[in-house]
Amino acid sequence: MKNVLAALSIAGLSMVSASAFAGGDFEKLDTDGNGSISVIEASVSTSLTEQFADLDANADGELSKSEYANYEG
């Protein structure tokens, strides 16, 4: 079951268009709508992935809107 969920998550993320990310729109990156960007959601961008640990100020594994505001993409 975990493998199926992982595959569906990856498939869903692959549908996020580059143009959605190009605008740096937090809501479009937050594909599950939980108010934060996970490492998996951030993986649509190499530069966001590279900066993720530095941006995640409270080290909870997710980026809040305020943490994401520091993203230089």
N, C-alpha and C. Protein backbone atom coordinates (compact mmCIF):
# COMPACT_ATOMS: atom_id res chain seq x y z
N MET A 1 0.82 -1.19 0.00
CA MET A 1 0.00 0.00 0.00
C MET A 1 0.86 1.26 0.00
N LYS A 2 1.97 1.24 0.78
CA LYS A 2 2.87 2.39 0.80
C LYS A 2 3.43 2.67 -0.59
N ASN A 3 3.76 1.61 -1.31
CA ASN A 3 4.32 1.79 -2.65
C ASN A 3 3.30 2.42 -3.59
N VAL A 4 2.06 2.04 -3.46
CA VAL A 4 1.00 2.61 -4.29
C VAL A 4 0.84 4.09 -3.98
N LEU A 5 0.82 4.43 -2.70
CA LEU A 5 0.69 5.84 -2.30
C LEU A 5 1.88 6.65 -2.77
N ALA A 6 3.07 6.08 -2.67
CA ALA A 6 4.27 6.79 -3.13
C ALA A 6 4.21 7.01 -4.63
N ALA A 7 3.78 5.99 -5.36
CA ALA A 7 3.67 6.12 -6.82
C ALA A 7 2.65 7.17 -7.21
N LEU A 8 1.53 7.20 -6.50
CA LEU A 8 0.50 8.21 -6.79
C LEU A 8 1.01 9.62 -6.46
N SER A 9 1.75 9.74 -5.39
CA SER A 9 2.31 11.04 -5.01
C SER A 9 3.29 11.53 -6.07
N ILE A 10 4.15 10.64 -6.51
CA ILE A 10 5.12 11.01 -7.55
C ILE A 10 4.41 11.36 -8.84
N ALA A 11 3.40 10.59 -9.20
CA ALA A 11 2.64 10.88 -10.41
C ALA A 11 1.96 12.24 -10.31
N GLY A 12 1.40 12.53 -9.15
CA GLY A 12 0.74 13.82 -8.95
C GLY A 12 1.71 14.97 -9.03
N LEU A 13 2.88 14.79 -8.45
CA LEU A 13 3.89 15.84 -8.50
C LEU A 13 4.42 16.06 -9.90
N SER A 14 4.49 15.00 -10.67
CA SER A 14 5.00 15.15 -12.03
C SER A 14 4.04 15.95 -12.90
N MET A 15 2.78 16.08 -12.44
CA MET A 15 1.82 16.86 -13.19
C MET A 15 1.93 18.35 -12.91
N VAL A 16 2.68 18.72 -11.88
CA VAL A 16 2.86 20.14 -11.59
C VAL A 16 3.71 20.72 -12.72
N SER A 17 3.19 21.71 -13.37
CA SER A 17 3.90 22.26 -14.52
C SER A 17 5.03 23.16 -14.11
N ALA A 18 6.00 23.29 -14.97
CA ALA A 18 7.12 24.19 -14.72
C ALA A 18 6.63 25.63 -14.64
N SER A 19 5.62 25.95 -15.38
CA SER A 19 5.11 27.32 -15.34
C SER A 19 4.48 27.63 -13.98
N ALA A 20 3.89 26.65 -13.34
CA ALA A 20 3.32 26.87 -12.01
C ALA A 20 4.44 27.21 -11.03
N PHE A 21 5.56 26.52 -11.15
CA PHE A 21 6.66 26.79 -10.26
C PHE A 21 7.35 28.09 -10.61
N ALA A 22 7.41 28.43 -11.89
CA ALA A 22 8.14 29.62 -12.32
C ALA A 22 7.64 30.87 -11.62
N GLY A 23 6.38 30.91 -11.30
CA GLY A 23 5.84 32.07 -10.60
C GLY A 23 6.15 32.05 -9.11
N GLY A 24 6.72 30.95 -8.62
CA GLY A 24 7.04 30.85 -7.21
C GLY A 24 5.81 30.84 -6.33
N ASP A 25 4.73 30.37 -6.82
CA ASP A 25 3.46 30.42 -6.11
C ASP A 25 3.39 29.33 -5.05
N PHE A 26 3.40 29.73 -3.79
CA PHE A 26 3.37 28.80 -2.67
C PHE A 26 2.19 27.84 -2.77
N GLU A 27 1.01 28.36 -3.05
CA GLU A 27 -0.19 27.53 -3.09
C GLU A 27 -0.10 26.45 -4.18
N LYS A 28 0.52 26.75 -5.28
CA LYS A 28 0.66 25.74 -6.35
C LYS A 28 1.66 24.67 -5.97
N LEU A 29 2.68 25.04 -5.22
CA LEU A 29 3.66 24.05 -4.77
C LEU A 29 3.09 23.18 -3.65
N ASP A 30 2.21 23.74 -2.86
CA ASP A 30 1.56 23.02 -1.76
C ASP A 30 0.43 22.17 -2.34
N THR A 31 0.80 21.11 -3.04
CA THR A 31 -0.17 20.32 -3.80
C THR A 31 -1.20 19.61 -2.94
N ASP A 32 -0.88 19.33 -1.68
CA ASP A 32 -1.87 18.66 -0.83
C ASP A 32 -2.70 19.66 -0.02
N GLY A 33 -2.38 20.94 -0.15
CA GLY A 33 -3.18 21.98 0.48
C GLY A 33 -3.13 22.04 1.99
N ASN A 34 -2.05 21.54 2.59
CA ASN A 34 -1.97 21.52 4.05
C ASN A 34 -1.31 22.78 4.64
N GLY A 35 -0.98 23.74 3.81
CA GLY A 35 -0.41 24.99 4.30
C GLY A 35 1.09 24.99 4.44
N SER A 36 1.75 23.94 3.94
CA SER A 36 3.20 23.89 3.97
C SER A 36 3.70 23.10 2.76
N ILE A 37 4.98 23.26 2.47
CA ILE A 37 5.60 22.56 1.34
C ILE A 37 6.53 21.50 1.90
N SER A 38 6.26 20.26 1.57
CA SER A 38 7.09 19.14 2.02
C SER A 38 8.31 18.99 1.10
N VAL A 39 9.23 18.14 1.51
CA VAL A 39 10.40 17.85 0.68
C VAL A 39 9.94 17.26 -0.65
N ILE A 40 8.94 16.40 -0.62
CA ILE A 40 8.44 15.78 -1.84
C ILE A 40 7.84 16.85 -2.76
N GLU A 41 7.04 17.75 -2.21
CA GLU A 41 6.45 18.81 -3.01
C GLU A 41 7.52 19.75 -3.57
N ALA A 42 8.56 19.99 -2.79
CA ALA A 42 9.66 20.87 -3.22
C ALA A 42 10.50 20.23 -4.32
N SER A 43 10.41 18.92 -4.46
CA SER A 43 11.27 18.21 -5.42
C SER A 43 11.01 18.57 -6.87
N VAL A 44 9.98 19.35 -7.15
CA VAL A 44 9.73 19.78 -8.54
C VAL A 44 10.77 20.82 -8.97
N SER A 45 11.55 21.32 -8.03
CA SER A 45 12.57 22.33 -8.33
C SER A 45 13.90 21.94 -7.71
N THR A 46 14.92 21.85 -8.55
CA THR A 46 16.26 21.54 -8.05
C THR A 46 16.74 22.62 -7.10
N SER A 47 16.53 23.89 -7.46
CA SER A 47 17.04 24.97 -6.61
C SER A 47 16.31 25.03 -5.27
N LEU A 48 15.00 24.76 -5.25
CA LEU A 48 14.27 24.74 -3.99
C LEU A 48 14.72 23.56 -3.14
N THR A 49 14.94 22.43 -3.76
CA THR A 49 15.43 21.26 -3.04
C THR A 49 16.79 21.53 -2.42
N GLU A 50 17.66 22.20 -3.17
CA GLU A 50 19.00 22.52 -2.67
C GLU A 50 18.95 23.48 -1.49
N GLN A 51 17.99 24.39 -1.46
CA GLN A 51 17.88 25.39 -0.40
C GLN A 51 16.98 24.94 0.75
N PHE A 52 16.30 23.82 0.58
CA PHE A 52 15.26 23.40 1.52
C PHE A 52 15.73 23.39 2.97
N ALA A 53 16.84 22.74 3.25
CA ALA A 53 17.31 22.62 4.65
C ALA A 53 17.60 23.99 5.26
N ASP A 54 18.17 24.88 4.47
CA ASP A 54 18.47 26.22 4.97
C ASP A 54 17.19 27.02 5.20
N LEU A 55 16.19 26.83 4.35
CA LEU A 55 14.93 27.56 4.47
C LEU A 55 14.08 27.06 5.64
N ASP A 56 14.21 25.79 5.96
CA ASP A 56 13.40 25.16 7.01
C ASP A 56 13.94 25.55 8.38
N ALA A 57 13.67 26.79 8.80
CA ALA A 57 14.24 27.37 10.01
C ALA A 57 13.94 26.56 11.28
N ASN A 58 12.76 25.98 11.37
CA ASN A 58 12.42 25.22 12.58
C ASN A 58 12.68 23.72 12.43
N ALA A 59 13.27 23.33 11.32
CA ALA A 59 13.68 21.94 11.07
C ALA A 59 12.56 20.93 11.25
N ASP A 60 11.35 21.30 10.80
CA ASP A 60 10.23 20.37 10.92
C ASP A 60 10.00 19.56 9.64
N GLY A 61 10.85 19.76 8.63
CA GLY A 61 10.72 18.99 7.40
C GLY A 61 9.73 19.56 6.41
N GLU A 62 9.20 20.75 6.71
CA GLU A 62 8.24 21.41 5.83
C GLU A 62 8.54 22.90 5.80
N LEU A 63 8.17 23.55 4.71
CA LEU A 63 8.33 24.99 4.60
C LEU A 63 6.99 25.68 4.80
N SER A 64 6.95 26.58 5.75
CA SER A 64 5.77 27.42 5.94
C SER A 64 5.83 28.55 4.93
N LYS A 65 4.75 29.34 4.84
CA LYS A 65 4.78 30.49 3.93
C LYS A 65 5.90 31.45 4.29
N SER A 66 6.10 31.68 5.57
CA SER A 66 7.15 32.63 5.98
C SER A 66 8.54 32.08 5.68
N GLU A 67 8.74 30.78 5.84
CA GLU A 67 10.04 30.18 5.48
C GLU A 67 10.24 30.23 3.97
N TYR A 68 9.19 29.91 3.23
CA TYR A 68 9.29 29.92 1.76
C TYR A 68 9.56 31.33 1.22
N ALA A 69 9.12 32.35 1.94
CA ALA A 69 9.34 33.74 1.50
C ALA A 69 10.82 34.07 1.37
N ASN A 70 11.70 33.31 2.01
CA ASN A 70 13.13 33.52 1.92
C ASN A 70 13.77 32.78 0.75
N TYR A 71 12.98 32.04 0.00
CA TYR A 71 13.49 31.26 -1.13
C TYR A 71 13.99 32.19 -2.23
N GLU A 72 15.18 31.91 -2.71
CA GLU A 72 15.76 32.67 -3.81
C GLU A 72 15.81 31.77 -5.03
N GLY A 73 14.78 31.85 -5.83
CA GLY A 73 14.68 30.95 -6.97
C GLY A 73 14.74 31.55 -8.26
